[in-house]
Amino acid sequence: MNKSKIIANKLFWFLRRNGVALEPSRDRHLIINQTLAMGSMDDIQKLFHEYDKETIREEFRKPAAGLYAPAVLHFFEYILDVQLNNSEQYIKKIHGKPTPGHS
């Protein structure tokens, strides 16, 4: 990750069409949560070089609904020493798991 701008890459495929460059300070919520949820270990290491742990912890406390795989969410809760309230809302609906009220 480049400290001045982050160009849309594999983690931000949905921005490629528009040629959008992410600003690390303005877009830190998107950058941090998307990288934690879908990044490789190399991506995670770069993230920790770009942002300090407290900034990552602060943004992780406000994840997007349905972004994280269960194991990934719980892994980063442990690593960042954060306990999210209602963490189920941040977990992807995967493996054909029925949503409440549907059978």
Protein backbone atom coordinates (compact mmCIF):
# COMPACT_ATOMS: atom_id res chain seq x y z
CA MET A 1 0.00 0.00 0.00
CA ASN A 2 1.21 3.44 -0.85
CA LYS A 3 0.85 6.12 1.79
CA SER A 4 -0.31 8.78 -0.69
CA LYS A 5 -2.98 6.87 -2.61
CA ILE A 6 -4.13 3.30 -2.87
CA ILE A 7 -5.10 2.24 -6.36
CA ALA A 8 -7.97 -0.20 -6.70
CA ASN A 9 -6.53 -3.71 -6.66
CA LYS A 10 -7.88 -7.22 -6.10
CA LEU A 11 -9.38 -6.19 -2.76
CA PHE A 12 -11.22 -3.24 -4.27
CA TRP A 13 -12.36 -4.76 -7.56
CA PHE A 14 -15.66 -2.90 -7.31
CA LEU A 15 -13.83 0.43 -7.73
CA ARG A 16 -11.78 -0.47 -10.82
CA ARG A 17 -14.34 0.62 -13.38
CA ASN A 18 -14.30 4.16 -12.10
CA GLY A 19 -10.49 4.44 -11.85
CA VAL A 20 -10.90 5.50 -8.23
CA ALA A 21 -7.83 6.01 -6.06
CA LEU A 22 -8.43 5.53 -2.37
CA GLU A 23 -7.14 8.11 0.08
CA PRO A 24 -5.72 6.37 3.19
CA SER A 25 -7.10 8.93 5.63
CA ARG A 26 -10.49 9.53 3.98
CA ASP A 27 -11.16 5.89 3.06
CA ARG A 28 -9.59 4.13 6.03
CA HIS A 29 -12.83 2.43 7.11
CA LEU A 30 -13.25 0.79 3.71
CA ILE A 31 -9.55 0.00 3.31
CA ILE A 32 -9.15 -1.54 6.76
CA ASN A 33 -12.32 -3.65 6.84
CA GLN A 34 -12.05 -4.83 3.23
CA THR A 35 -8.41 -5.82 3.78
CA LEU A 36 -9.08 -7.61 7.07
CA ALA A 37 -12.08 -9.46 5.60
CA MET A 38 -10.62 -10.46 2.24
CA GLY A 39 -6.90 -9.82 2.24
CA SER A 40 -4.00 -12.24 2.20
CA MET A 41 -1.45 -12.30 5.02
CA ASP A 42 0.76 -10.09 2.84
CA ASP A 43 -2.12 -7.60 2.51
CA ILE A 44 -2.63 -7.66 6.29
CA GLN A 45 1.08 -6.99 6.91
CA LYS A 46 0.95 -4.02 4.53
CA LEU A 47 -2.14 -2.77 6.31
CA PHE A 48 -0.29 -2.78 9.66
CA HIS A 49 2.53 -0.78 8.04
CA GLU A 50 0.04 1.74 6.65
CA TYR A 51 -2.00 2.20 9.86
CA ASP A 52 -1.18 1.84 13.53
CA LYS A 53 -2.89 -0.91 15.53
CA GLU A 54 -5.19 1.50 17.39
CA THR A 55 -6.52 2.93 14.12
CA ILE A 56 -7.14 -0.59 12.79
CA ARG A 57 -8.83 -1.54 16.06
CA GLU A 58 -11.01 1.59 15.96
CA GLU A 59 -12.18 0.93 12.38
CA PHE A 60 -12.68 -2.80 13.03
CA ARG A 61 -15.14 -1.87 15.78
CA LYS A 62 -17.46 -0.55 13.02
CA PRO A 63 -17.44 -3.33 10.39
CA ALA A 64 -19.85 -3.49 7.48
CA ALA A 65 -22.74 -5.91 7.82
CA GLY A 66 -22.23 -9.24 6.07
CA LEU A 67 -18.58 -8.63 5.16
CA TYR A 68 -16.68 -11.18 7.25
CA ALA A 69 -16.46 -14.97 7.14
CA PRO A 70 -17.11 -16.29 10.68
CA ALA A 71 -13.56 -17.53 11.33
CA VAL A 72 -12.01 -14.32 9.99
CA LEU A 73 -14.21 -12.10 12.16
CA HIS A 74 -13.44 -14.10 15.29
CA PHE A 75 -9.72 -14.23 14.42
CA PHE A 76 -9.49 -10.43 14.24
CA GLU A 77 -11.61 -10.00 17.36
CA TYR A 78 -8.93 -12.07 19.12
CA ILE A 79 -5.89 -10.46 17.43
CA LEU A 80 -7.15 -6.91 17.97
CA ASP A 81 -8.59 -7.66 21.43
CA VAL A 82 -12.02 -6.36 20.41
CA GLN A 83 -15.36 -7.88 21.34
CA LEU A 84 -18.03 -6.79 18.87
CA ASN A 85 -21.61 -6.51 20.06
CA ASN A 86 -24.06 -8.45 17.86
CA SER A 87 -21.19 -9.88 15.81
CA GLU A 88 -23.62 -12.12 13.87
CA GLN A 89 -24.70 -9.13 11.78
CA TYR A 90 -21.15 -8.75 10.39
CA ILE A 91 -20.90 -12.37 9.23
CA LYS A 92 -21.54 -13.34 5.62
CA LYS A 93 -24.54 -15.52 4.97
CA ILE A 94 -22.79 -18.55 3.50
CA HIS A 95 -23.23 -22.27 3.00
CA GLY A 96 -26.95 -22.05 2.40
CA LYS A 97 -27.59 -21.06 6.00
CA PRO A 98 -31.24 -19.92 6.09
CA THR A 99 -31.91 -16.42 7.29
CA PRO A 100 -34.28 -16.03 10.24
CA GLY A 101 -37.91 -16.32 9.18
CA HIS A 102 -37.12 -18.26 5.98
CA SER A 103 -37.14 -22.01 5.55
